[in-house]
């Protein structure tokens, strides 16, 4: 695919308004952030990619929504355009790079019935919030990739019901029969989406 693990592809950025109507259900927004948790994920995975969410179109009300799990709020939805215009309600865009990638099998495999099932499953997880213990467990799983932990220690920090962004998107995909390969760290990372050969670059997004 056209996305690198370590940098944005050498392609021109695209204005959101020019591509908005071409975005499809299931497209994935992949981000390179600069926050503390983003940095932790980047360092653990050796990749600039630190956040993902997936797109669900609501054409009846002319909205392109992004479904995501964010720290510390948990699972939510926002307008995709919010990332480009007013991410933190401060009049500024998301503090990092943004690109849209597409699973080339999504449109062929996900019929209207499956899409409805995906939307229900994803929305049913709304409001599931992070707490400090869950964030600590995720951080510990990342640390475990750097330090030799015992089996007993690993059991205490094994994945439970918590979601980082990429785990949320991966589980939604799995609900309709699409899989993203989990990495050796015991969780799906944003870089796994970038590395998956079934995903193609749609656009690098230009922020206002």
N, C-alpha and C. Protein backbone atom coordinates (compact mmCIF):
# COMPACT_ATOMS: atom_id res chain seq x y z
N UNK A 1 0.83 -1.18 0.00
CA UNK A 1 0.00 0.00 0.00
C UNK A 1 0.88 1.25 0.00
N UNK A 2 0.26 2.44 -0.09
CA UNK A 2 1.03 3.66 -0.25
C UNK A 2 1.44 4.34 1.02
N UNK A 3 1.20 3.72 2.19
CA UNK A 3 1.55 4.38 3.45
C UNK A 3 2.75 3.73 4.08
N UNK A 4 3.65 4.55 4.56
CA UNK A 4 4.85 4.07 5.22
C UNK A 4 4.62 3.94 6.71
N UNK A 5 5.36 3.03 7.33
CA UNK A 5 5.27 2.88 8.78
C UNK A 5 5.86 4.08 9.50
N UNK A 6 6.81 4.74 8.88
CA UNK A 6 7.58 5.75 9.60
C UNK A 6 7.36 7.18 9.14
N UNK A 7 6.60 7.39 8.08
CA UNK A 7 6.37 8.76 7.63
C UNK A 7 5.17 8.80 6.70
N UNK A 8 4.68 10.00 6.44
CA UNK A 8 3.60 10.15 5.50
C UNK A 8 4.11 9.90 4.09
N UNK A 9 3.25 9.36 3.24
CA UNK A 9 3.69 9.09 1.87
C UNK A 9 4.01 10.38 1.13
N UNK A 10 4.87 10.30 0.16
CA UNK A 10 5.26 11.48 -0.59
C UNK A 10 4.24 11.84 -1.64
N UNK A 11 3.04 12.13 -1.18
CA UNK A 11 1.95 12.50 -2.08
C UNK A 11 1.37 13.83 -1.64
N UNK A 12 0.79 14.58 -2.55
CA UNK A 12 0.23 15.88 -2.17
C UNK A 12 -0.95 15.73 -1.23
N UNK A 13 -1.11 16.72 -0.36
CA UNK A 13 -2.26 16.71 0.54
C UNK A 13 -3.51 17.08 -0.24
N UNK A 14 -4.65 16.63 0.29
CA UNK A 14 -5.92 16.84 -0.38
C UNK A 14 -6.85 17.64 0.51
N UNK A 15 -7.49 18.65 -0.06
CA UNK A 15 -8.46 19.43 0.68
C UNK A 15 -9.66 18.55 1.02
N UNK A 16 -10.12 18.60 2.26
CA UNK A 16 -11.20 17.74 2.72
C UNK A 16 -12.46 17.91 1.88
N UNK A 17 -12.82 19.14 1.56
CA UNK A 17 -14.05 19.38 0.81
C UNK A 17 -14.03 18.73 -0.57
N UNK A 18 -12.83 18.57 -1.14
CA UNK A 18 -12.74 17.99 -2.47
C UNK A 18 -12.88 16.47 -2.46
N UNK A 19 -12.71 15.87 -1.29
CA UNK A 19 -12.77 14.41 -1.21
C UNK A 19 -13.92 13.91 -0.34
N UNK A 20 -14.59 14.81 0.33
CA UNK A 20 -15.64 14.43 1.28
C UNK A 20 -16.66 13.46 0.68
N UNK A 21 -17.15 13.77 -0.52
CA UNK A 21 -18.19 12.95 -1.13
C UNK A 21 -17.68 11.59 -1.59
N UNK A 22 -16.36 11.43 -1.67
CA UNK A 22 -15.77 10.17 -2.12
C UNK A 22 -15.42 9.23 -0.97
N UNK A 23 -15.49 9.74 0.25
CA UNK A 23 -15.20 8.90 1.41
C UNK A 23 -16.29 7.85 1.57
N UNK A 24 -15.91 6.65 2.00
CA UNK A 24 -16.84 5.53 2.08
C UNK A 24 -16.96 5.01 3.50
N UNK A 25 -18.10 4.35 3.76
CA UNK A 25 -18.26 3.68 5.05
C UNK A 25 -17.12 2.70 5.26
N UNK A 26 -16.58 2.70 6.47
CA UNK A 26 -15.49 1.78 6.78
C UNK A 26 -14.11 2.32 6.50
N UNK A 27 -13.99 3.45 5.80
CA UNK A 27 -12.68 4.07 5.62
C UNK A 27 -12.10 4.38 7.00
N UNK A 28 -10.79 4.32 7.10
CA UNK A 28 -10.11 4.51 8.37
C UNK A 28 -9.29 5.80 8.34
N UNK A 29 -9.51 6.65 9.35
CA UNK A 29 -8.66 7.81 9.54
C UNK A 29 -7.48 7.38 10.40
N UNK A 30 -6.29 7.66 9.94
CA UNK A 30 -5.08 7.29 10.67
C UNK A 30 -4.29 8.56 10.96
N UNK A 31 -3.86 8.69 12.21
CA UNK A 31 -3.31 9.95 12.69
C UNK A 31 -1.93 9.78 13.31
N UNK A 32 -1.16 10.84 13.22
CA UNK A 32 0.14 10.91 13.87
C UNK A 32 0.07 12.03 14.90
N UNK A 33 -0.18 11.65 16.16
CA UNK A 33 -0.40 12.64 17.21
C UNK A 33 0.87 13.00 17.96
N UNK A 34 0.71 13.89 18.94
CA UNK A 34 1.86 14.37 19.70
C UNK A 34 1.64 14.33 21.21
N UNK A 35 0.50 13.78 21.66
CA UNK A 35 0.22 13.72 23.09
C UNK A 35 0.99 12.62 23.79
N UNK A 36 0.83 12.55 25.11
CA UNK A 36 1.57 11.59 25.92
C UNK A 36 1.27 10.16 25.52
N UNK A 37 -0.02 9.82 25.43
CA UNK A 37 -0.38 8.44 25.10
C UNK A 37 -0.03 8.12 23.65
N UNK A 38 -0.17 9.12 22.76
CA UNK A 38 0.23 8.93 21.37
C UNK A 38 1.72 8.61 21.29
N UNK A 39 2.51 9.37 22.05
CA UNK A 39 3.96 9.15 22.05
C UNK A 39 4.31 7.77 22.57
N UNK A 40 3.59 7.31 23.59
CA UNK A 40 3.82 5.99 24.14
C UNK A 40 3.59 4.91 23.08
N UNK A 41 2.49 5.04 22.35
CA UNK A 41 2.17 4.05 21.30
C UNK A 41 3.22 4.13 20.18
N UNK A 42 3.61 5.34 19.80
CA UNK A 42 4.60 5.50 18.75
C UNK A 42 5.93 4.86 19.13
N UNK A 43 6.35 5.07 20.35
CA UNK A 43 7.63 4.51 20.80
C UNK A 43 7.58 2.99 20.88
N UNK A 44 6.46 2.46 21.33
CA UNK A 44 6.34 1.01 21.47
C UNK A 44 6.30 0.31 20.13
N UNK A 45 5.72 0.96 19.13
CA UNK A 45 5.52 0.30 17.83
C UNK A 45 6.54 0.74 16.78
N UNK A 46 7.37 1.72 17.09
CA UNK A 46 8.34 2.19 16.12
C UNK A 46 7.71 2.83 14.90
N UNK A 47 6.60 3.52 15.13
CA UNK A 47 5.84 4.10 14.01
C UNK A 47 5.31 5.46 14.42
N UNK A 48 5.11 6.34 13.43
CA UNK A 48 4.52 7.64 13.73
C UNK A 48 3.03 7.55 13.99
N UNK A 49 2.40 6.45 13.58
CA UNK A 49 0.95 6.35 13.66
C UNK A 49 0.50 6.06 15.07
N UNK A 50 -0.41 6.89 15.59
CA UNK A 50 -0.78 6.78 17.00
C UNK A 50 -2.29 6.72 17.25
N UNK A 51 -3.11 6.92 16.23
CA UNK A 51 -4.56 6.92 16.45
C UNK A 51 -5.29 6.53 15.17
N UNK A 52 -6.39 5.79 15.34
CA UNK A 52 -7.25 5.46 14.21
C UNK A 52 -8.71 5.54 14.65
N UNK A 53 -9.58 5.81 13.68
CA UNK A 53 -11.02 5.73 13.85
C UNK A 53 -11.61 5.35 12.50
N UNK A 54 -12.87 4.98 12.45
CA UNK A 54 -13.44 4.64 11.14
C UNK A 54 -14.66 5.47 10.82
N UNK A 55 -14.90 5.61 9.53
CA UNK A 55 -15.92 6.53 9.01
C UNK A 55 -17.25 5.82 8.82
N UNK A 56 -18.31 6.52 9.22
CA UNK A 56 -19.67 6.08 8.95
C UNK A 56 -20.42 7.29 8.39
N UNK A 57 -20.92 7.14 7.17
CA UNK A 57 -21.63 8.23 6.52
C UNK A 57 -23.09 8.26 6.96
N UNK A 58 -23.59 9.46 7.25
CA UNK A 58 -25.00 9.67 7.53
C UNK A 58 -25.52 10.64 6.48
N UNK A 59 -25.70 10.12 5.28
CA UNK A 59 -26.04 10.99 4.15
C UNK A 59 -27.41 11.64 4.29
N UNK A 60 -28.31 11.03 5.04
CA UNK A 60 -29.65 11.60 5.21
C UNK A 60 -29.61 12.93 5.94
N UNK A 61 -28.55 13.16 6.72
CA UNK A 61 -28.39 14.44 7.39
C UNK A 61 -27.09 15.13 6.98
N UNK A 62 -26.49 14.65 5.89
CA UNK A 62 -25.29 15.25 5.33
C UNK A 62 -24.15 15.36 6.34
N UNK A 63 -23.84 14.22 6.97
CA UNK A 63 -22.74 14.19 7.93
C UNK A 63 -21.83 13.00 7.64
N UNK A 64 -20.52 13.23 7.79
CA UNK A 64 -19.53 12.16 7.73
C UNK A 64 -18.95 12.05 9.13
N UNK A 65 -19.27 10.94 9.79
CA UNK A 65 -18.91 10.77 11.19
C UNK A 65 -17.67 9.89 11.34
N UNK A 66 -16.92 10.16 12.39
CA UNK A 66 -15.79 9.32 12.76
C UNK A 66 -16.11 8.64 14.08
N UNK A 67 -16.06 7.31 14.09
CA UNK A 67 -16.27 6.53 15.30
C UNK A 67 -14.91 6.14 15.84
N UNK A 68 -14.68 6.37 17.12
CA UNK A 68 -13.33 6.22 17.66
C UNK A 68 -13.37 5.99 19.15
N UNK A 69 -12.23 5.59 19.69
CA UNK A 69 -12.03 5.52 21.13
C UNK A 69 -10.84 6.41 21.46
N UNK A 70 -11.07 7.40 22.31
CA UNK A 70 -10.02 8.36 22.63
C UNK A 70 -9.79 8.40 24.13
N UNK A 71 -8.54 8.60 24.51
CA UNK A 71 -8.17 8.72 25.91
C UNK A 71 -8.28 10.19 26.31
N UNK A 72 -8.99 10.53 27.40
CA UNK A 72 -9.57 9.64 28.40
C UNK A 72 -11.07 9.43 28.24
N UNK A 73 -11.67 9.89 27.15
CA UNK A 73 -13.13 9.89 27.03
C UNK A 73 -13.73 8.52 26.74
N UNK A 74 -12.99 7.68 26.02
CA UNK A 74 -13.52 6.38 25.63
C UNK A 74 -14.16 6.41 24.25
N UNK A 75 -15.14 5.53 24.03
CA UNK A 75 -15.74 5.36 22.72
C UNK A 75 -16.76 6.46 22.45
N UNK A 76 -16.63 7.10 21.29
CA UNK A 76 -17.51 8.22 20.95
C UNK A 76 -17.58 8.36 19.44
N UNK A 77 -18.36 9.35 19.00
CA UNK A 77 -18.35 9.74 17.59
C UNK A 77 -18.29 11.26 17.48
N UNK A 78 -17.60 11.74 16.44
CA UNK A 78 -17.53 13.17 16.14
C UNK A 78 -17.59 13.33 14.62
N UNK A 79 -17.92 14.54 14.18
CA UNK A 79 -17.81 14.82 12.75
C UNK A 79 -16.34 14.70 12.34
N UNK A 80 -16.09 14.07 11.21
CA UNK A 80 -14.72 13.97 10.72
C UNK A 80 -14.12 15.36 10.52
N UNK A 81 -14.93 16.31 10.07
CA UNK A 81 -14.43 17.66 9.81
C UNK A 81 -13.91 18.34 11.08
N UNK A 82 -14.35 17.86 12.24
CA UNK A 82 -13.88 18.44 13.50
C UNK A 82 -12.37 18.28 13.63
N UNK A 83 -11.82 17.18 13.12
CA UNK A 83 -10.39 16.96 13.16
C UNK A 83 -9.63 18.02 12.36
N UNK A 84 -10.27 18.55 11.35
CA UNK A 84 -9.61 19.47 10.44
C UNK A 84 -9.83 20.93 10.81
N UNK A 85 -10.81 21.18 11.69
CA UNK A 85 -11.18 22.56 11.96
C UNK A 85 -11.10 22.96 13.42
N UNK A 86 -11.59 22.10 14.31
CA UNK A 86 -11.79 22.51 15.70
C UNK A 86 -11.70 21.31 16.62
N UNK A 87 -10.58 20.63 16.60
CA UNK A 87 -10.47 19.33 17.25
C UNK A 87 -10.75 19.38 18.75
N UNK A 88 -10.15 20.32 19.46
CA UNK A 88 -10.30 20.40 20.92
C UNK A 88 -11.19 21.57 21.33
N UNK A 89 -12.08 21.98 20.42
CA UNK A 89 -12.98 23.11 20.67
C UNK A 89 -12.22 24.39 20.96
N UNK A 90 -11.06 24.50 20.32
CA UNK A 90 -10.25 25.71 20.50
C UNK A 90 -9.98 26.42 19.17
N UNK A 91 -10.73 26.01 18.15
CA UNK A 91 -10.58 26.63 16.84
C UNK A 91 -9.38 26.16 16.06
N UNK A 92 -8.68 25.13 16.57
CA UNK A 92 -7.49 24.62 15.91
C UNK A 92 -7.69 23.17 15.47
N UNK A 93 -7.04 22.76 14.37
CA UNK A 93 -7.17 21.37 13.91
C UNK A 93 -6.40 20.40 14.80
N UNK A 94 -6.56 19.12 14.51
CA UNK A 94 -5.84 18.07 15.23
C UNK A 94 -4.33 18.33 15.17
N UNK A 95 -3.64 18.23 16.29
CA UNK A 95 -2.20 18.54 16.33
C UNK A 95 -1.34 17.39 15.81
N UNK A 96 -1.41 17.13 14.53
CA UNK A 96 -0.64 16.05 13.92
C UNK A 96 -1.09 15.79 12.51
N UNK A 97 -0.48 14.79 11.89
CA UNK A 97 -0.82 14.45 10.52
C UNK A 97 -2.05 13.57 10.43
N UNK A 98 -2.75 13.65 9.29
CA UNK A 98 -3.99 12.91 9.07
C UNK A 98 -4.00 12.29 7.68
N UNK A 99 -4.44 11.04 7.60
CA UNK A 99 -4.61 10.40 6.30
C UNK A 99 -5.80 9.45 6.37
N UNK A 100 -6.39 9.17 5.23
CA UNK A 100 -7.49 8.21 5.15
C UNK A 100 -7.02 7.02 4.34
N UNK A 101 -7.25 5.82 4.88
CA UNK A 101 -6.93 4.59 4.18
C UNK A 101 -8.19 3.75 4.05
N UNK A 102 -8.19 2.82 3.08
CA UNK A 102 -9.40 2.05 2.77
C UNK A 102 -9.08 0.58 2.62
N UNK A 103 -9.84 -0.25 3.30
CA UNK A 103 -9.73 -1.69 3.13
C UNK A 103 -10.37 -2.06 1.80
N UNK A 104 -9.58 -2.61 0.90
CA UNK A 104 -10.08 -2.85 -0.46
C UNK A 104 -11.16 -3.93 -0.52
N UNK A 105 -11.33 -4.69 0.57
CA UNK A 105 -12.35 -5.73 0.60
C UNK A 105 -13.66 -5.27 1.24
N UNK A 106 -13.65 -4.08 1.84
CA UNK A 106 -14.80 -3.66 2.63
C UNK A 106 -16.07 -3.54 1.78
N UNK A 107 -16.02 -2.79 0.70
CA UNK A 107 -17.22 -2.54 -0.10
C UNK A 107 -17.79 -3.82 -0.70
N UNK A 108 -16.91 -4.76 -1.06
CA UNK A 108 -17.36 -6.01 -1.67
C UNK A 108 -18.00 -6.95 -0.65
N UNK A 109 -17.44 -6.99 0.56
CA UNK A 109 -17.89 -7.95 1.56
C UNK A 109 -19.01 -7.44 2.46
N UNK A 110 -19.07 -6.12 2.65
CA UNK A 110 -20.02 -5.58 3.62
C UNK A 110 -21.25 -5.06 2.89
N UNK A 111 -22.29 -5.91 2.85
CA UNK A 111 -23.56 -5.54 2.23
C UNK A 111 -24.35 -4.66 3.20
N UNK A 112 -25.50 -4.10 2.76
CA UNK A 112 -26.27 -3.21 3.65
C UNK A 112 -26.63 -3.83 4.98
N UNK A 113 -26.94 -5.12 4.99
CA UNK A 113 -27.29 -5.78 6.25
C UNK A 113 -26.09 -5.83 7.19
N UNK A 114 -24.92 -6.18 6.66
CA UNK A 114 -23.72 -6.21 7.50
C UNK A 114 -23.33 -4.81 7.96
N UNK A 115 -23.54 -3.81 7.10
CA UNK A 115 -23.21 -2.45 7.49
C UNK A 115 -24.09 -2.00 8.65
N UNK A 116 -25.37 -2.38 8.61
CA UNK A 116 -26.27 -2.07 9.72
C UNK A 116 -25.79 -2.76 10.99
N UNK A 117 -25.37 -4.01 10.87
CA UNK A 117 -24.85 -4.74 12.03
C UNK A 117 -23.59 -4.09 12.59
N UNK A 118 -22.72 -3.64 11.69
CA UNK A 118 -21.49 -2.96 12.12
C UNK A 118 -21.83 -1.69 12.88
N UNK A 119 -22.76 -0.91 12.33
CA UNK A 119 -23.13 0.35 12.98
C UNK A 119 -23.73 0.10 14.36
N UNK A 120 -24.60 -0.89 14.46
CA UNK A 120 -25.21 -1.20 15.76
C UNK A 120 -24.16 -1.63 16.77
N UNK A 121 -23.26 -2.50 16.34
CA UNK A 121 -22.21 -2.98 17.25
C UNK A 121 -21.34 -1.83 17.71
N UNK A 122 -20.91 -0.99 16.77
CA UNK A 122 -20.02 0.12 17.10
C UNK A 122 -20.70 1.12 18.03
N UNK A 123 -21.97 1.40 17.76
CA UNK A 123 -22.70 2.39 18.55
C UNK A 123 -23.03 1.84 19.94
N UNK A 124 -23.27 0.54 20.04
CA UNK A 124 -23.56 -0.06 21.35
C UNK A 124 -22.38 0.09 22.31
N UNK A 125 -21.18 0.32 21.77
CA UNK A 125 -20.00 0.50 22.61
C UNK A 125 -19.78 1.96 23.02
N UNK A 126 -20.62 2.88 22.49
CA UNK A 126 -20.48 4.29 22.85
C UNK A 126 -20.63 4.45 24.37
N UNK A 127 -19.82 5.34 24.90
CA UNK A 127 -19.91 5.65 26.32
C UNK A 127 -19.04 4.76 27.18
N UNK A 128 -18.44 3.72 26.60
CA UNK A 128 -17.54 2.90 27.39
C UNK A 128 -16.26 3.71 27.59
N UNK A 129 -16.01 4.11 28.80
CA UNK A 129 -14.92 5.05 29.05
C UNK A 129 -13.69 4.36 29.60
N UNK A 130 -12.57 4.97 29.34
CA UNK A 130 -11.33 4.54 29.98
C UNK A 130 -11.39 4.87 31.47
N UNK A 131 -10.68 4.12 32.28
CA UNK A 131 -10.38 4.56 33.63
C UNK A 131 -8.88 4.39 33.86
N UNK A 132 -8.39 4.90 34.97
CA UNK A 132 -6.94 4.92 35.18
C UNK A 132 -6.35 3.52 35.20
N UNK A 133 -7.06 2.56 35.79
CA UNK A 133 -6.54 1.20 35.86
C UNK A 133 -6.40 0.60 34.47
N UNK A 134 -7.38 0.87 33.60
CA UNK A 134 -7.32 0.31 32.26
C UNK A 134 -6.20 0.93 31.44
N UNK A 135 -6.03 2.25 31.57
CA UNK A 135 -4.93 2.91 30.88
C UNK A 135 -3.60 2.34 31.38
N UNK A 136 -3.51 2.12 32.68
CA UNK A 136 -2.27 1.57 33.25
C UNK A 136 -2.00 0.17 32.71
N UNK A 137 -3.05 -0.63 32.51
CA UNK A 137 -2.86 -1.98 31.98
C UNK A 137 -2.35 -1.93 30.54
N UNK A 138 -2.91 -1.02 29.76
CA UNK A 138 -2.45 -0.88 28.37
C UNK A 138 -1.00 -0.42 28.36
N UNK A 139 -0.69 0.55 29.22
CA UNK A 139 0.70 1.03 29.30
C UNK A 139 1.63 -0.10 29.72
N UNK A 140 1.17 -0.94 30.64
CA UNK A 140 2.00 -2.05 31.10
C UNK A 140 2.22 -3.07 30.00
N UNK A 141 1.23 -3.29 29.14
CA UNK A 141 1.41 -4.22 28.03
C UNK A 141 2.45 -3.68 27.06
N UNK A 142 2.47 -2.36 26.87
CA UNK A 142 3.49 -1.76 26.02
C UNK A 142 4.86 -1.91 26.68
N UNK A 143 4.94 -1.64 27.99
CA UNK A 143 6.20 -1.80 28.70
C UNK A 143 6.68 -3.24 28.64
N UNK A 144 5.76 -4.19 28.66
CA UNK A 144 6.14 -5.60 28.64
C UNK A 144 6.86 -5.98 27.36
N UNK A 145 6.68 -5.18 26.32
CA UNK A 145 7.40 -5.46 25.07
C UNK A 145 8.87 -5.12 25.20
N UNK A 146 9.20 -4.31 26.21
CA UNK A 146 10.59 -3.87 26.40
C UNK A 146 11.29 -4.62 27.54
N UNK A 147 10.48 -5.22 28.44
CA UNK A 147 11.03 -5.85 29.64
C UNK A 147 10.54 -7.30 29.70
N UNK A 148 11.36 -8.18 30.20
CA UNK A 148 10.99 -9.59 30.34
C UNK A 148 10.07 -9.77 31.54
N UNK A 149 8.76 -9.96 31.27
CA UNK A 149 7.80 -10.16 32.33
C UNK A 149 7.55 -11.66 32.53
N UNK A 150 7.20 -12.06 33.77
CA UNK A 150 6.83 -13.45 34.01
C UNK A 150 5.40 -13.69 33.53
N UNK A 151 5.03 -14.98 33.40
CA UNK A 151 3.68 -15.33 32.96
C UNK A 151 2.64 -14.78 33.94
N UNK A 152 2.95 -14.83 35.24
CA UNK A 152 2.03 -14.32 36.25
C UNK A 152 1.82 -12.82 36.09
N UNK A 153 2.90 -12.09 35.82
CA UNK A 153 2.80 -10.65 35.62
C UNK A 153 2.01 -10.33 34.36
N UNK A 154 2.24 -11.09 33.28
CA UNK A 154 1.53 -10.85 32.03
C UNK A 154 0.04 -11.10 32.18
N UNK A 155 -0.33 -12.10 32.99
CA UNK A 155 -1.75 -12.40 33.19
C UNK A 155 -2.48 -11.23 33.82
N UNK A 156 -1.79 -10.52 34.72
CA UNK A 156 -2.39 -9.38 35.40
C UNK A 156 -2.64 -8.21 34.46
N UNK A 157 -1.88 -8.13 33.37
CA UNK A 157 -2.00 -6.99 32.46
C UNK A 157 -2.58 -7.40 31.11
N UNK A 158 -3.16 -8.60 31.03
CA UNK A 158 -3.73 -9.09 29.77
C UNK A 158 -4.91 -8.22 29.36
N UNK A 159 -5.23 -8.16 28.04
CA UNK A 159 -6.36 -7.36 27.58
C UNK A 159 -7.66 -7.79 28.26
N UNK A 160 -8.46 -6.81 28.64
CA UNK A 160 -9.76 -7.09 29.26
C UNK A 160 -10.83 -6.51 28.36
N UNK A 161 -11.63 -5.58 28.84
CA UNK A 161 -12.66 -4.95 28.02
C UNK A 161 -12.27 -3.54 27.61
N UNK A 162 -11.08 -3.11 27.96
CA UNK A 162 -10.66 -1.77 27.61
C UNK A 162 -10.34 -1.67 26.13
N UNK A 163 -10.46 -0.47 25.61
CA UNK A 163 -10.16 -0.25 24.19
C UNK A 163 -9.19 0.91 24.04
N UNK A 164 -8.07 0.69 23.36
CA UNK A 164 -7.41 1.83 22.75
C UNK A 164 -8.04 1.96 21.37
N UNK A 165 -7.72 3.03 20.68
CA UNK A 165 -8.41 3.34 19.43
C UNK A 165 -8.41 2.20 18.43
N UNK A 166 -7.25 1.61 18.23
CA UNK A 166 -7.11 0.58 17.20
C UNK A 166 -7.80 -0.72 17.59
N UNK A 167 -7.88 -1.02 18.89
CA UNK A 167 -8.60 -2.20 19.34
C UNK A 167 -10.09 -2.04 19.06
N UNK A 168 -10.60 -0.84 19.27
CA UNK A 168 -12.02 -0.57 18.98
C UNK A 168 -12.33 -0.78 17.50
N UNK A 169 -11.54 -0.18 16.63
CA UNK A 169 -11.79 -0.32 15.19
C UNK A 169 -11.62 -1.77 14.75
N UNK A 170 -10.59 -2.44 15.27
CA UNK A 170 -10.35 -3.83 14.89
C UNK A 170 -11.51 -4.73 15.30
N UNK A 171 -12.05 -4.52 16.48
CA UNK A 171 -13.16 -5.36 16.93
C UNK A 171 -14.43 -5.08 16.14
N UNK A 172 -14.64 -3.84 15.75
CA UNK A 172 -15.78 -3.53 14.88
C UNK A 172 -15.62 -4.21 13.54
N UNK A 173 -14.42 -4.18 12.99
CA UNK A 173 -14.15 -4.87 11.73
C UNK A 173 -14.36 -6.38 11.89
N UNK A 174 -13.86 -6.93 12.98
CA UNK A 174 -14.02 -8.37 13.20
C UNK A 174 -15.48 -8.78 13.29
N UNK A 175 -16.33 -7.88 13.78
CA UNK A 175 -17.75 -8.18 13.93
C UNK A 175 -18.40 -8.47 12.57
N UNK A 176 -17.85 -7.92 11.50
CA UNK A 176 -18.40 -8.17 10.16
C UNK A 176 -17.46 -9.03 9.32
N UNK A 177 -16.51 -9.69 9.95
CA UNK A 177 -15.70 -10.68 9.25
C UNK A 177 -14.43 -10.17 8.61
N UNK A 178 -14.00 -8.96 8.96
CA UNK A 178 -12.73 -8.42 8.46
C UNK A 178 -11.74 -8.38 9.62
N UNK A 179 -10.51 -8.79 9.37
CA UNK A 179 -9.53 -8.87 10.44
C UNK A 179 -8.29 -8.03 10.12
N UNK A 180 -7.78 -7.41 11.17
CA UNK A 180 -6.48 -6.75 11.11
C UNK A 180 -5.56 -7.54 12.03
N UNK A 181 -4.40 -7.90 11.54
CA UNK A 181 -3.51 -8.78 12.30
C UNK A 181 -3.01 -8.09 13.57
N UNK A 182 -3.16 -8.79 14.70
CA UNK A 182 -2.66 -8.28 15.98
C UNK A 182 -1.15 -8.46 16.03
N UNK A 183 -0.48 -7.50 16.67
CA UNK A 183 0.97 -7.56 16.72
C UNK A 183 1.47 -8.34 17.94
N UNK A 184 2.76 -8.43 18.05
CA UNK A 184 3.36 -9.24 19.11
C UNK A 184 3.24 -8.61 20.48
N UNK A 185 2.77 -7.37 20.56
CA UNK A 185 2.62 -6.70 21.85
C UNK A 185 1.33 -7.07 22.56
N UNK A 186 0.45 -7.81 21.91
CA UNK A 186 -0.79 -8.23 22.54
C UNK A 186 -1.94 -7.27 22.33
N UNK A 187 -1.78 -6.32 21.39
CA UNK A 187 -2.89 -5.44 21.04
C UNK A 187 -2.73 -4.98 19.60
N UNK A 188 -3.81 -4.55 18.99
CA UNK A 188 -3.75 -4.00 17.64
C UNK A 188 -3.31 -2.55 17.75
N UNK A 189 -2.27 -2.19 17.05
CA UNK A 189 -1.76 -0.82 17.07
C UNK A 189 -2.17 -0.08 15.80
N UNK A 190 -2.21 1.25 15.84
CA UNK A 190 -2.49 2.01 14.62
C UNK A 190 -1.55 1.64 13.47
N UNK A 191 -0.29 1.36 13.80
CA UNK A 191 0.66 1.00 12.74
C UNK A 191 0.29 -0.30 12.04
N UNK A 192 -0.48 -1.18 12.72
CA UNK A 192 -0.91 -2.42 12.08
C UNK A 192 -1.87 -2.14 10.93
N UNK A 193 -2.70 -1.11 11.07
CA UNK A 193 -3.59 -0.73 9.98
C UNK A 193 -2.77 -0.21 8.80
N UNK A 194 -1.76 0.62 9.10
CA UNK A 194 -0.91 1.16 8.04
C UNK A 194 -0.14 0.06 7.32
N UNK A 195 0.25 -0.98 8.08
CA UNK A 195 1.07 -2.05 7.50
C UNK A 195 0.25 -3.12 6.79
N UNK A 196 -1.05 -3.17 7.04
CA UNK A 196 -1.90 -4.20 6.46
C UNK A 196 -1.97 -4.01 4.94
N UNK A 197 -1.57 -5.02 4.15
CA UNK A 197 -1.58 -4.87 2.69
C UNK A 197 -2.97 -4.75 2.09
N UNK A 198 -4.01 -5.00 2.88
CA UNK A 198 -5.37 -4.86 2.38
C UNK A 198 -5.87 -3.42 2.43
N UNK A 199 -5.07 -2.53 3.00
CA UNK A 199 -5.45 -1.12 3.06
C UNK A 199 -4.67 -0.31 2.04
N UNK A 200 -5.38 0.56 1.35
CA UNK A 200 -4.78 1.47 0.37
C UNK A 200 -4.97 2.91 0.82
N UNK A 201 -4.04 3.74 0.44
CA UNK A 201 -4.15 5.17 0.75
C UNK A 201 -5.23 5.82 -0.08
N UNK A 202 -6.11 6.55 0.57
CA UNK A 202 -7.13 7.34 -0.13
C UNK A 202 -6.66 8.78 -0.28
N UNK A 203 -6.22 9.37 0.83
CA UNK A 203 -5.77 10.77 0.78
C UNK A 203 -5.02 11.14 2.03
N UNK A 204 -4.05 12.02 1.89
CA UNK A 204 -3.46 12.74 3.02
C UNK A 204 -4.23 14.04 3.12
N UNK A 205 -4.81 14.31 4.29
CA UNK A 205 -5.74 15.41 4.41
C UNK A 205 -5.06 16.73 4.75
N UNK A 206 -5.48 17.78 4.08
CA UNK A 206 -4.99 19.12 4.32
C UNK A 206 -5.86 19.77 5.38
N UNK A 207 -5.24 20.33 6.41
CA UNK A 207 -5.98 21.00 7.47
C UNK A 207 -6.07 22.48 7.16
N UNK A 208 -7.14 23.11 7.68
CA UNK A 208 -7.34 24.53 7.43
C UNK A 208 -6.38 25.36 8.28
